[in-house]
Structure formats: C-alpha cells, structure tokens
Amino acid sequence: MLSKLKELFRKFIDTASSMLTSREKLLNTVEEFKLELVSRDVAYEAAEDIANKLKALIEEGVVKDKRKLTNSLREILLTYFREAGSIDIEELARTKKPLKIVFMGVNGVGKTTTIAKVAVYFRDKGYRPLMIAADTFRAAAQEQLKKHSERTAIPVFTGKYGADPAAVAYDGVVYAYSRGFNILLIDTAGRMHTDVDLVNELRKIVRVVKPDLKILVVDALTGNDAIEQAKFFDEAVGVDGFIVTKFDAYEEGGVPLSLVYVSKKPILFIGVGQDYRDLKPFNPLEYVDKLLPAED
C-alpha cells in the first residue's frame, strides 16, 4: 500500500539532495514535484501548499542537507493532520449514551460492510451496538445489513422498503433506548452528488436523529473523486470525519493527505481487508512514516 507516493517522495529527496548547492535548480525540482504529487492523488491545492512551503524554507536557507529536507517535508505533512484535529471515538462512546453515528457515502464505497466492521469493533470493546437500516431506497440495502447481522450476531433494526428513512432512523433510536443498546450505527442511502431528493432525505435524518458523529465513507481507489465527495457532503450536510476503505489495495497514496487538507476533518478508520476485524484506527504518524521515514 502507498507504494507509488512513497517512491515519489524517495526520488524527490534523492534528486533535491543532489541540488542543494543550486537554489534555482532546487526550486525547479520542487515545481516538478508538485505536479507529480497531483498524479498520486494529492489534491492540487495540497500539492501547491507543500511546494510553496518547501520553496519558502529553501529561500530562507533552512534546507541545508538531506536530513533537514526530509524532516521539513515530514513536518509539513504532519501539520495538515494536526490542523484537521482528531476524534477520540472511544471517549465519545464512554460519554454519549448512546453514541449515535450516521454513515454517509456514494454507492459502491463499501459503506454497509464498513458499518458492520465498526459494529464488531465496538462489540469487541464491550459495547452493545445496534445497526439501523435507514436506507429504504435501495432494494438490497436492508438485506445486506441483515446478512452482516447474521454473520456477526449483531442486531439490526429495519423498516419497510419505501418508508420514510428519517422515521425508520428515529424508530430505531427509540428501540435502542428501550433495550439498552449504547452504540447506534445508522446506514443511509448511497447517493450521487446530483441527487437532490436523497440529499434532502439525508438532511432530514440528521435533523431527526441529531447524531453525535456524521461519518463519510470513501473508497481510496476512487482517488480525487473521494475528495470531491468530501467537499460535497461537507457542504450539503456536514462531515465530522472519514473512514477510508480498500486501503490495503491502495498504491497511489495521496487520498488521506488530500482529505484532511481540503476538509480540515480527521480520518477515523481505514479498511485493510475483507474480514470484519480488518478495520484499523487511522494513525497519521504511521501514515507519514510509511511515506517518508524520518532522517536521524
């Protein structure tokens, strides 16, 4: 995973390190690096910011050797994740009773399977999760959650197809309160950017349920489209954080960096396989370490 962006960083460090005595050549190399970053799913605005910060450090005479160049670039990347903040989801689970999470995303990103993985994650930590199938739009959506329920033995609350999704979500919350569930994971219909009716439906679910978290699920393999999805959902409904699926198969590397730079919101989890326990809390330092190991 991340192999292509990692290789790009390695090549840039090696090339730039050989030009430290020529400021003009070094600045030209940074400009070329910016364009190559975009080819690795780094959003253009993020690539431009990285390049501008590097150029400023070069002009100030800060970048004197390979170690300084590497660590300066690492610090730029880490700053983006710090600016995006963090969400301690387990602390929320301890303080919110129950913790209500609405999951959003376009069709095909793995949202429903991700909900089941999050349910298993919380059950393993001693909580009582309930999956709520508020996607009454797509015929197979509730059946998918039922199958995950059968496989994981985690309950699912469903409504009738064609029913008001906000009403199903609300009824699911009431059901959960009366039966002692403390983690409520609410599925919503996958929607394309242009579907106004489905977006309004999602807004209604949020108004009715008043979730503690609105999580957008994106597929790493969709590259820059994941960034466009993040912009759209954040403007339409508001996004608190992300889960990035198919991370184990992702080679380009730039989606996590782009998400946090563009949205200023954190990544909570990454999907790293097909098993229900193949969901890992996202660690920004681990991500940067993989791309750009620190120089001692």
C-alpha atoms as a PDB file:
ATOM      1  CA  MET A   1       0.000   0.000   0.000  1.00  0.00           C
ATOM      2  CA  LEU A   2       1.017   3.624  -0.644  1.00  0.00           C
ATOM      3  CA  SER A   3       3.928   2.385  -2.734  1.00  0.00           C
ATOM      4  CA  LYS A   4       3.705   4.959  -5.537  1.00  0.00           C
ATOM      5  CA  LEU A   5       3.635   8.053  -3.312  1.00  0.00           C
ATOM      6  CA  LYS A   6       6.386   6.562  -1.153  1.00  0.00           C
ATOM      7  CA  GLU A   7       8.547   6.074  -4.245  1.00  0.00           C
ATOM      8  CA  LEU A   8       7.822   9.632  -5.395  1.00  0.00           C
ATOM      9  CA  PHE A   9       8.961  11.042  -2.037  1.00  0.00           C
ATOM     10  CA  ARG A  10      12.125   8.899  -2.155  1.00  0.00           C
ATOM     11  CA  LYS A  11      13.008  10.080  -5.664  1.00  0.00           C
ATOM     12  CA  PHE A  12      12.331  13.716  -4.797  1.00  0.00           C
ATOM     13  CA  ILE A  13      14.506  13.599  -1.665  1.00  0.00           C
ATOM     14  CA  ASP A  14      17.349  11.950  -3.573  1.00  0.00           C
ATOM     15  CA  THR A  15      17.130  14.360  -6.518  1.00  0.00           C
ATOM     16  CA  ALA A  16      16.686  17.500  -4.431  1.00  0.00           C
ATOM     17  CA  SER A  17      19.520  16.488  -2.080  1.00  0.00           C
ATOM     18  CA  SER A  18      21.904  16.437  -5.025  1.00  0.00           C
ATOM     19  CA  MET A  19      20.970  20.041  -5.910  1.00  0.00           C
ATOM     20  CA  LEU A  20      21.251  21.751  -2.542  1.00  0.00           C
ATOM     21  CA  THR A  21      24.043  23.989  -3.799  1.00  0.00           C
ATOM     22  CA  SER A  22      21.915  25.326  -6.680  1.00  0.00           C
ATOM     23  CA  ARG A  23      18.870  27.197  -5.417  1.00  0.00           C
ATOM     24  CA  GLU A  24      17.431  27.694  -8.923  1.00  0.00           C
ATOM     25  CA  LYS A  25      17.638  24.003  -9.810  1.00  0.00           C
ATOM     26  CA  LEU A  26      16.220  23.073  -6.421  1.00  0.00           C
ATOM     27  CA  LEU A  27      13.231  25.371  -6.862  1.00  0.00           C
ATOM     28  CA  ASN A  28      12.579  23.944 -10.332  1.00  0.00           C
ATOM     29  CA  THR A  29      12.696  20.424  -8.878  1.00  0.00           C
ATOM     30  CA  VAL A  30      10.110  21.398  -6.260  1.00  0.00           C
ATOM     31  CA  GLU A  31       7.832  22.715  -9.014  1.00  0.00           C
ATOM     32  CA  GLU A  32       8.118  19.407 -10.896  1.00  0.00           C
ATOM     33  CA  PHE A  33       7.482  17.568  -7.628  1.00  0.00           C
ATOM     34  CA  LYS A  34       4.212  19.477  -7.200  1.00  0.00           C
ATOM     35  CA  LEU A  35       2.844  18.171 -10.496  1.00  0.00           C
ATOM     36  CA  GLU A  36       3.943  14.622  -9.709  1.00  0.00           C
ATOM     37  CA  LEU A  37       2.150  14.810  -6.352  1.00  0.00           C
ATOM     38  CA  VAL A  38      -1.106  15.517  -8.184  1.00  0.00           C
ATOM     39  CA  SER A  39      -0.591  12.331 -10.213  1.00  0.00           C
ATOM     40  CA  ARG A  40      -0.536  10.405  -6.902  1.00  0.00           C
ATOM     41  CA  ASP A  41      -3.983  11.592  -5.756  1.00  0.00           C
ATOM     42  CA  VAL A  42      -2.706  14.606  -3.833  1.00  0.00           C
ATOM     43  CA  ALA A  43      -5.271  17.387  -4.355  1.00  0.00           C
ATOM     44  CA  TYR A  44      -3.814  20.251  -6.396  1.00  0.00           C
ATOM     45  CA  GLU A  45      -4.334  22.771  -3.592  1.00  0.00           C
ATOM     46  CA  ALA A  46      -2.488  20.499  -1.163  1.00  0.00           C
ATOM     47  CA  ALA A  47       0.354  19.863  -3.637  1.00  0.00           C
ATOM     48  CA  GLU A  48       0.683  23.599  -4.224  1.00  0.00           C
ATOM     49  CA  ASP A  49       0.805  24.301  -0.492  1.00  0.00           C
ATOM     50  CA  ILE A  50       3.504  21.656   0.021  1.00  0.00           C
ATOM     51  CA  ALA A  51       5.556  23.150  -2.825  1.00  0.00           C
ATOM     52  CA  ASN A  52       5.138  26.726  -1.559  1.00  0.00           C
ATOM     53  CA  LYS A  53       6.187  25.771   1.961  1.00  0.00           C
ATOM     54  CA  LEU A  54       9.247  23.928   0.661  1.00  0.00           C
ATOM     55  CA  LYS A  55      10.198  26.879  -1.547  1.00  0.00           C
ATOM     56  CA  ALA A  56       9.906  29.246   1.417  1.00  0.00           C
ATOM     57  CA  LEU A  57      12.201  27.039   3.508  1.00  0.00           C
ATOM     58  CA  ILE A  58      14.704  26.894   0.626  1.00  0.00           C
ATOM     59  CA  GLU A  59      14.633  30.681   0.207  1.00  0.00           C
ATOM     60  CA  GLU A  60      15.185  31.093   3.952  1.00  0.00           C
ATOM     61  CA  GLY A  61      18.216  28.793   3.819  1.00  0.00           C
ATOM     62  CA  VAL A  62      16.671  26.270   6.201  1.00  0.00           C
ATOM     63  CA  VAL A  63      17.101  23.279   3.866  1.00  0.00           C
ATOM     64  CA  LYS A  64      20.824  22.653   4.176  1.00  0.00           C
ATOM     65  CA  ASP A  65      21.097  18.874   3.838  1.00  0.00           C
ATOM     66  CA  LYS A  66      19.133  15.697   3.120  1.00  0.00           C
ATOM     67  CA  ARG A  67      18.125  15.236   6.761  1.00  0.00           C
ATOM     68  CA  LYS A  68      16.743  18.760   7.009  1.00  0.00           C
ATOM     69  CA  LEU A  69      14.902  18.413   3.711  1.00  0.00           C
ATOM     70  CA  THR A  70      13.302  15.108   4.742  1.00  0.00           C
ATOM     71  CA  ASN A  71      12.278  16.263   8.187  1.00  0.00           C
ATOM     72  CA  SER A  72      10.958  19.584   6.873  1.00  0.00           C
ATOM     73  CA  LEU A  73       8.737  17.752   4.402  1.00  0.00           C
ATOM     74  CA  ARG A  74       7.563  15.364   7.130  1.00  0.00           C
ATOM     75  CA  GLU A  75       6.653  18.310   9.351  1.00  0.00           C
ATOM     76  CA  ILE A  76       4.615  19.908   6.547  1.00  0.00           C
ATOM     77  CA  LEU A  77       2.603  16.704   6.140  1.00  0.00           C
ATOM     78  CA  LEU A  78       2.116  16.182   9.874  1.00  0.00           C
ATOM     79  CA  THR A  79       0.911  19.775  10.247  1.00  0.00           C
ATOM     80  CA  TYR A  80      -2.037  19.029   7.944  1.00  0.00           C
ATOM     81  CA  PHE A  81      -3.153  16.175  10.187  1.00  0.00           C
ATOM     82  CA  ARG A  82      -2.737  18.285  13.318  1.00  0.00           C
ATOM     83  CA  GLU A  83      -4.827  21.054  11.755  1.00  0.00           C
ATOM     84  CA  ALA A  84      -7.558  18.514  10.958  1.00  0.00           C
ATOM     85  CA  GLY A  85      -7.786  17.645  14.648  1.00  0.00           C
ATOM     86  CA  SER A  86      -8.774  14.257  15.991  1.00  0.00           C
ATOM     87  CA  ILE A  87     -11.831  12.478  17.351  1.00  0.00           C
ATOM     88  CA  ASP A  88     -11.494  10.087  20.279  1.00  0.00           C
ATOM     89  CA  ILE A  89     -14.368   7.826  19.293  1.00  0.00           C
ATOM     90  CA  GLU A  90     -13.939   5.610  22.343  1.00  0.00           C
ATOM     91  CA  GLU A  91     -14.134   8.609  24.661  1.00  0.00           C
ATOM     92  CA  LEU A  92     -17.342   9.619  22.875  1.00  0.00           C
ATOM     93  CA  ALA A  93     -18.697   6.107  23.382  1.00  0.00           C
ATOM     94  CA  ARG A  94     -17.998   6.378  27.117  1.00  0.00           C
ATOM     95  CA  THR A  95     -19.675   9.773  27.472  1.00  0.00           C
ATOM     96  CA  LYS A  96     -22.566   9.593  24.978  1.00  0.00           C
ATOM     97  CA  LYS A  97     -25.228   7.103  25.973  1.00  0.00           C
ATOM     98  CA  PRO A  98     -25.995   6.008  23.378  1.00  0.00           C
ATOM     99  CA  LEU A  99     -23.450   7.161  20.803  1.00  0.00           C
ATOM    100  CA  LYS A 100     -25.331   7.872  17.559  1.00  0.00           C
ATOM    101  CA  ILE A 101     -23.359   7.701  14.311  1.00  0.00           C
ATOM    102  CA  VAL A 102     -24.789   8.390  10.840  1.00  0.00           C
ATOM    103  CA  PHE A 103     -22.841   6.876   7.944  1.00  0.00           C
ATOM    104  CA  MET A 104     -22.888   8.553   4.525  1.00  0.00           C
ATOM    105  CA  GLY A 105     -21.342   7.835   1.139  1.00  0.00           C
ATOM    106  CA  VAL A 106     -21.994   7.174  -2.524  1.00  0.00           C
ATOM    107  CA  ASN A 107     -22.900   3.721  -3.799  1.00  0.00           C
ATOM    108  CA  GLY A 108     -20.051   1.257  -4.084  1.00  0.00           C
ATOM    109  CA  VAL A 109     -17.638   2.593  -1.445  1.00  0.00           C
ATOM    110  CA  GLY A 110     -18.288  -0.269   0.999  1.00  0.00           C
ATOM    111  CA  LYS A 111     -20.419   1.713   3.441  1.00  0.00           C
ATOM    112  CA  THR A 112     -22.676  -1.128   4.621  1.00  0.00           C
ATOM    113  CA  THR A 113     -19.792  -3.538   5.181  1.00  0.00           C
ATOM    114  CA  THR A 114     -17.906  -0.780   6.989  1.00  0.00           C
ATOM    115  CA  ILE A 115     -20.848  -0.294   9.366  1.00  0.00           C
ATOM    116  CA  ALA A 116     -20.683  -3.991  10.244  1.00  0.00           C
ATOM    117  CA  LYS A 117     -16.922  -3.674  10.839  1.00  0.00           C
ATOM    118  CA  VAL A 118     -17.457  -0.687  13.148  1.00  0.00           C
ATOM    119  CA  ALA A 119     -20.142  -2.674  14.980  1.00  0.00           C
ATOM    120  CA  VAL A 120     -17.694  -5.545  15.541  1.00  0.00           C
ATOM    121  CA  TYR A 121     -15.013  -3.058  16.638  1.00  0.00           C
ATOM    122  CA  PHE A 122     -17.262  -1.701  19.379  1.00  0.00           C
ATOM    123  CA  ARG A 123     -18.615  -5.097  20.431  1.00  0.00           C
ATOM    124  CA  ASP A 124     -15.044  -6.302  20.894  1.00  0.00           C
ATOM    125  CA  LYS A 125     -14.596  -3.420  23.324  1.00  0.00           C
ATOM    126  CA  GLY A 126     -17.593  -4.423  25.404  1.00  0.00           C
ATOM    127  CA  TYR A 127     -20.339  -2.222  23.931  1.00  0.00           C
ATOM    128  CA  ARG A 128     -23.798  -3.232  22.665  1.00  0.00           C
ATOM    129  CA  PRO A 129     -24.040  -1.961  19.078  1.00  0.00           C
ATOM    130  CA  LEU A 130     -27.218  -1.812  17.001  1.00  0.00           C
ATOM    131  CA  MET A 131     -27.164  -1.355  13.226  1.00  0.00           C
ATOM    132  CA  ILE A 132     -30.093   0.697  11.917  1.00  0.00           C
ATOM    133  CA  ALA A 133     -31.058   0.233   8.250  1.00  0.00           C
ATOM    134  CA  ALA A 134     -32.362   3.669   7.255  1.00  0.00           C
ATOM    135  CA  ASP A 135     -31.647   3.059   3.575  1.00  0.00           C
ATOM    136  CA  THR A 136     -35.185   2.300   2.375  1.00  0.00           C
ATOM    137  CA  PHE A 137     -34.370   3.437  -1.165  1.00  0.00           C
ATOM    138  CA  ARG A 138     -32.266   0.535  -2.470  1.00  0.00           C
ATOM    139  CA  ALA A 139     -33.886  -2.895  -2.516  1.00  0.00           C
ATOM    140  CA  ALA A 140     -30.795  -4.794  -1.393  1.00  0.00           C
ATOM    141  CA  ALA A 141     -29.605  -2.408   1.302  1.00  0.00           C
ATOM    142  CA  GLN A 142     -31.545  -3.843   4.229  1.00  0.00           C
ATOM    143  CA  GLU A 143     -30.815  -7.390   3.078  1.00  0.00           C
ATOM    144  CA  GLN A 144     -27.095  -6.587   3.144  1.00  0.00           C
ATOM    145  CA  LEU A 145     -27.268  -5.402   6.744  1.00  0.00           C
ATOM    146  CA  LYS A 146     -29.358  -8.458   7.683  1.00  0.00           C
ATOM    147  CA  LYS A 147     -26.659 -10.715   6.223  1.00  0.00           C
ATOM    148  CA  HIS A 148     -23.984  -8.869   8.191  1.00  0.00           C
ATOM    149  CA  SER A 149     -26.192  -9.232  11.274  1.00  0.00           C
ATOM    150  CA  GLU A 150     -26.432 -12.995  10.751  1.00  0.00           C
ATOM    151  CA  ARG A 151     -22.678 -13.341  10.257  1.00  0.00           C
ATOM    152  CA  THR A 152     -21.680 -11.167  13.207  1.00  0.00           C
ATOM    153  CA  ALA A 153     -24.620 -11.864  15.570  1.00  0.00           C
ATOM    154  CA  ILE A 154     -25.021  -8.083  15.965  1.00  0.00           C
ATOM    155  CA  PRO A 155     -28.688  -6.979  15.845  1.00  0.00           C
ATOM    156  CA  VAL A 156     -30.099  -4.834  13.054  1.00  0.00           C
ATOM    157  CA  PHE A 157     -33.227  -2.661  13.106  1.00  0.00           C
ATOM    158  CA  THR A 158     -35.089  -2.477   9.783  1.00  0.00           C
ATOM    159  CA  GLY A 159     -38.171  -0.764   8.382  1.00  0.00           C
ATOM    160  CA  LYS A 160     -40.330  -1.313   5.337  1.00  0.00           C
ATOM    161  CA  TYR A 161     -38.971  -0.578   1.879  1.00  0.00           C
ATOM    162  CA  GLY A 162     -40.236   2.781   0.689  1.00  0.00           C
ATOM    163  CA  ALA A 163     -40.821   4.007   4.247  1.00  0.00           C
ATOM    164  CA  ASP A 164     -39.610   7.442   5.316  1.00  0.00           C
ATOM    165  CA  PRO A 165     -35.889   6.867   6.120  1.00  0.00           C
ATOM    166  CA  ALA A 166     -35.940   9.531   8.846  1.00  0.00           C
ATOM    167  CA  ALA A 167     -38.886   7.766  10.517  1.00  0.00           C
ATOM    168  CA  VAL A 168     -37.071   4.408  10.367  1.00  0.00           C
ATOM    169  CA  ALA A 169     -33.945   6.001  11.846  1.00  0.00           C
ATOM    170  CA  TYR A 170     -35.988   7.638  14.627  1.00  0.00           C
ATOM    171  CA  ASP A 171     -37.849   4.399  15.413  1.00  0.00           C
ATOM    172  CA  GLY A 172     -34.503   2.600  15.532  1.00  0.00           C
ATOM    173  CA  VAL A 173     -33.165   5.100  18.063  1.00  0.00           C
ATOM    174  CA  VAL A 174     -36.287   4.713  20.248  1.00  0.00           C
ATOM    175  CA  TYR A 175     -35.957   0.926  20.021  1.00  0.00           C
ATOM    176  CA  ALA A 176     -32.301   1.146  21.053  1.00  0.00           C
ATOM    177  CA  TYR A 177     -33.014   3.356  24.062  1.00  0.00           C
ATOM    178  CA  SER A 178     -35.638   0.931  25.374  1.00  0.00           C
ATOM    179  CA  ARG A 179     -33.354  -2.096  25.036  1.00  0.00           C
ATOM    180  CA  GLY A 180     -30.060  -0.796  26.317  1.00  0.00           C
ATOM    181  CA  PHE A 181     -28.025  -0.549  23.114  1.00  0.00           C
ATOM    182  CA  ASN A 182     -25.240   2.007  23.540  1.00  0.00           C
ATOM    183  CA  ILE A 183     -23.766   2.297  20.016  1.00  0.00           C
ATOM    184  CA  LEU A 184     -26.192   3.158  17.205  1.00  0.00           C
ATOM    185  CA  LEU A 185     -24.844   2.831  13.658  1.00  0.00           C
ATOM    186  CA  ILE A 186     -27.253   4.314  11.131  1.00  0.00           C
ATOM    187  CA  ASP A 187     -26.985   3.370   7.462  1.00  0.00           C
ATOM    188  CA  THR A 188     -28.260   5.835   4.844  1.00  0.00           C
ATOM    189  CA  ALA A 189     -28.906   5.565   1.117  1.00  0.00           C
ATOM    190  CA  GLY A 190     -25.866   5.864  -1.114  1.00  0.00           C
ATOM    191  CA  ARG A 191     -26.323   8.970  -3.189  1.00  0.00           C
ATOM    192  CA  MET A 192     -24.674  10.650  -6.112  1.00  0.00           C
ATOM    193  CA  HIS A 193     -23.802  14.335  -5.879  1.00  0.00           C
ATOM    194  CA  THR A 194     -26.643  15.359  -8.190  1.00  0.00           C
ATOM    195  CA  ASP A 195     -29.490  13.567  -6.366  1.00  0.00           C
ATOM    196  CA  VAL A 196     -31.241  16.450  -4.620  1.00  0.00           C
ATOM    197  CA  ASP A 197     -34.040  14.291  -3.162  1.00  0.00           C
ATOM    198  CA  LEU A 198     -31.634  11.891  -1.492  1.00  0.00           C
ATOM    199  CA  VAL A 199     -29.567  14.763  -0.105  1.00  0.00           C
ATOM    200  CA  ASN A 200     -32.691  16.331   1.399  1.00  0.00           C
ATOM    201  CA  GLU A 201     -33.587  12.939   2.838  1.00  0.00           C
ATOM    202  CA  LEU A 202     -30.164  12.751   4.472  1.00  0.00           C
ATOM    203  CA  ARG A 203     -30.593  16.224   5.937  1.00  0.00           C
ATOM    204  CA  LYS A 204     -33.922  15.132   7.408  1.00  0.00           C
ATOM    205  CA  ILE A 205     -32.345  12.046   9.009  1.00  0.00           C
ATOM    206  CA  VAL A 206     -29.699  14.262  10.606  1.00  0.00           C
ATOM    207  CA  ARG A 207     -32.334  16.713  11.902  1.00  0.00           C
ATOM    208  CA  VAL A 208     -34.445  13.933  13.390  1.00  0.00           C
ATOM    209  CA  VAL A 209     -31.688  11.736  14.861  1.00  0.00           C
ATOM    210  CA  LYS A 210     -29.293  14.512  15.953  1.00  0.00           C
ATOM    211  CA  PRO A 211     -26.233  12.246  15.569  1.00  0.00           C
ATOM    212  CA  ASP A 212     -23.082  12.673  17.620  1.00  0.00           C
ATOM    213  CA  LEU A 213     -20.988  11.904  14.524  1.00  0.00           C
ATOM    214  CA  LYS A 214     -21.557  12.121  10.778  1.00  0.00           C
ATOM    215  CA  ILE A 215     -19.002   9.872   9.105  1.00  0.00           C
ATOM    216  CA  LEU A 216     -18.342   9.858   5.367  1.00  0.00           C
ATOM    217  CA  VAL A 217     -17.115   6.551   3.953  1.00  0.00           C
ATOM    218  CA  VAL A 218     -14.878   6.925   0.888  1.00  0.00           C
ATOM    219  CA  ASP A 219     -13.078   4.403  -1.293  1.00  0.00           C
ATOM    220  CA  ALA A 220      -9.324   5.109  -1.558  1.00  0.00           C
ATOM    221  CA  LEU A 221      -9.244   3.630  -5.063  1.00  0.00           C
ATOM    222  CA  THR A 222     -11.524   6.389  -6.402  1.00  0.00           C
ATOM    223  CA  GLY A 223      -8.660   8.858  -5.965  1.00  0.00           C
ATOM    224  CA  ASN A 224      -9.548  12.501  -6.429  1.00  0.00           C
ATOM    225  CA  ASP A 225     -13.253  11.681  -6.677  1.00  0.00           C
ATOM    226  CA  ALA A 226     -13.084  10.881  -2.949  1.00  0.00           C
ATOM    227  CA  ILE A 227     -12.020  14.493  -2.394  1.00  0.00           C
ATOM    228  CA  GLU A 228     -14.948  15.791  -4.445  1.00  0.00           C
ATOM    229  CA  GLN A 229     -17.292  13.600  -2.407  1.00  0.00           C
ATOM    230  CA  ALA A 230     -15.843  15.028   0.810  1.00  0.00           C
ATOM    231  CA  LYS A 231     -16.420  18.592  -0.389  1.00  0.00           C
ATOM    232  CA  PHE A 232     -19.963  17.825  -1.492  1.00  0.00           C
ATOM    233  CA  PHE A 233     -21.120  16.049   1.674  1.00  0.00           C
ATOM    234  CA  ASP A 234     -19.457  18.576   3.954  1.00  0.00           C
ATOM    235  CA  GLU A 235     -21.264  21.440   2.215  1.00  0.00           C
ATOM    236  CA  ALA A 236     -24.593  19.571   1.995  1.00  0.00           C
ATOM    237  CA  VAL A 237     -24.831  18.014   5.465  1.00  0.00           C
ATOM    238  CA  GLY A 238     -21.559  18.472   7.331  1.00  0.00           C
ATOM    239  CA  VAL A 239     -18.920  15.790   7.849  1.00  0.00           C
ATOM    240  CA  ASP A 240     -17.195  15.135  11.179  1.00  0.00           C
ATOM    241  CA  GLY A 241     -14.694  12.556   9.966  1.00  0.00           C
ATOM    242  CA  PHE A 242     -13.880   9.868   7.410  1.00  0.00           C
ATOM    243  CA  ILE A 243     -13.411   6.148   7.023  1.00  0.00           C
ATOM    244  CA  VAL A 244     -11.248   5.208   4.037  1.00  0.00           C
ATOM    245  CA  THR A 245     -11.951   1.753   2.587  1.00  0.00           C
ATOM    246  CA  LYS A 246      -9.758  -0.539   0.442  1.00  0.00           C
ATOM    247  CA  PHE A 247      -6.638   0.998   1.940  1.00  0.00           C
ATOM    248  CA  ASP A 248      -4.763  -2.308   1.722  1.00  0.00           C
ATOM    249  CA  ALA A 249      -5.040  -2.243  -2.091  1.00  0.00           C
ATOM    250  CA  TYR A 250      -4.223   1.447  -2.447  1.00  0.00           C
ATOM    251  CA  GLU A 251      -0.913   2.280  -4.152  1.00  0.00           C
ATOM    252  CA  GLU A 252      -1.185   5.933  -5.206  1.00  0.00           C
ATOM    253  CA  GLY A 253      -1.138   7.165  -1.610  1.00  0.00           C
ATOM    254  CA  GLY A 254      -2.458  10.739  -1.619  1.00  0.00           C
ATOM    255  CA  VAL A 255      -6.135  10.392  -0.621  1.00  0.00           C
ATOM    256  CA  PRO A 256      -5.684  10.599   3.192  1.00  0.00           C
ATOM    257  CA  LEU A 257      -3.465  13.657   2.873  1.00  0.00           C
ATOM    258  CA  SER A 258      -5.897  15.334   0.481  1.00  0.00           C
ATOM    259  CA  LEU A 259      -8.949  14.587   2.638  1.00  0.00           C
ATOM    260  CA  VAL A 260      -7.540  16.223   5.751  1.00  0.00           C
ATOM    261  CA  TYR A 261      -6.013  19.163   3.867  1.00  0.00           C
ATOM    262  CA  VAL A 262      -9.189  20.018   1.955  1.00  0.00           C
ATOM    263  CA  SER A 263     -11.746  19.327   4.697  1.00  0.00           C
ATOM    264  CA  LYS A 264      -9.800  20.028   7.904  1.00  0.00           C
ATOM    265  CA  LYS A 265     -11.551  16.920   9.304  1.00  0.00           C
ATOM    266  CA  PRO A 266      -9.836  13.755  10.600  1.00  0.00           C
ATOM    267  CA  ILE A 267      -9.752  10.191   9.320  1.00  0.00           C
ATOM    268  CA  LEU A 268     -11.046   7.819  11.996  1.00  0.00           C
ATOM    269  CA  PHE A 269     -10.515   4.369  10.466  1.00  0.00           C
ATOM    270  CA  ILE A 270      -9.066   2.636   7.413  1.00  0.00           C
ATOM    271  CA  GLY A 271     -10.308  -0.618   5.902  1.00  0.00           C
ATOM    272  CA  VAL A 272      -7.441  -3.049   5.379  1.00  0.00           C
ATOM    273  CA  GLY A 273      -9.155  -6.262   4.259  1.00  0.00           C
ATOM    274  CA  GLN A 274     -12.364  -8.261   3.898  1.00  0.00           C
ATOM    275  CA  ASP A 275     -12.657  -9.648   7.423  1.00  0.00           C
ATOM    276  CA  TYR A 276     -14.930  -7.936   9.942  1.00  0.00           C
ATOM    277  CA  ARG A 277     -11.905  -7.123  12.068  1.00  0.00           C
ATOM    278  CA  ASP A 278      -9.963  -5.624   9.161  1.00  0.00           C
ATOM    279  CA  LEU A 279     -10.656  -2.090  10.334  1.00  0.00           C
ATOM    280  CA  LYS A 280      -7.838  -0.075  11.901  1.00  0.00           C
ATOM    281  CA  PRO A 281      -7.872   3.273  13.684  1.00  0.00           C
ATOM    282  CA  PHE A 282      -6.013   5.674  11.403  1.00  0.00           C
ATOM    283  CA  ASN A 283      -2.658   6.840  12.742  1.00  0.00           C
ATOM    284  CA  PRO A 284      -1.303   9.956  10.944  1.00  0.00           C
ATOM    285  CA  LEU A 285       2.256   9.431  12.203  1.00  0.00           C
ATOM    286  CA  GLU A 286       2.242   5.843  10.960  1.00  0.00           C
ATOM    287  CA  TYR A 287       0.978   7.039   7.573  1.00  0.00           C
ATOM    288  CA  VAL A 288       3.712   9.686   7.261  1.00  0.00           C
ATOM    289  CA  ASP A 289       6.359   7.215   8.490  1.00  0.00           C
ATOM    290  CA  LYS A 290       5.393   4.817   5.710  1.00  0.00           C
ATOM    291  CA  LEU A 291       5.659   7.530   3.078  1.00  0.00           C
ATOM    292  CA  LEU A 292       8.702   9.360   4.381  1.00  0.00           C
ATOM    293  CA  PRO A 293      10.802   7.751   7.122  1.00  0.00           C
ATOM    294  CA  ALA A 294      12.481  10.275   9.398  1.00  0.00           C
ATOM    295  CA  GLU A 295      16.183  11.035   8.945  1.00  0.00           C
ATOM    296  CA  ASP A 296      18.128  10.774  12.214  1.00  0.00           C
END
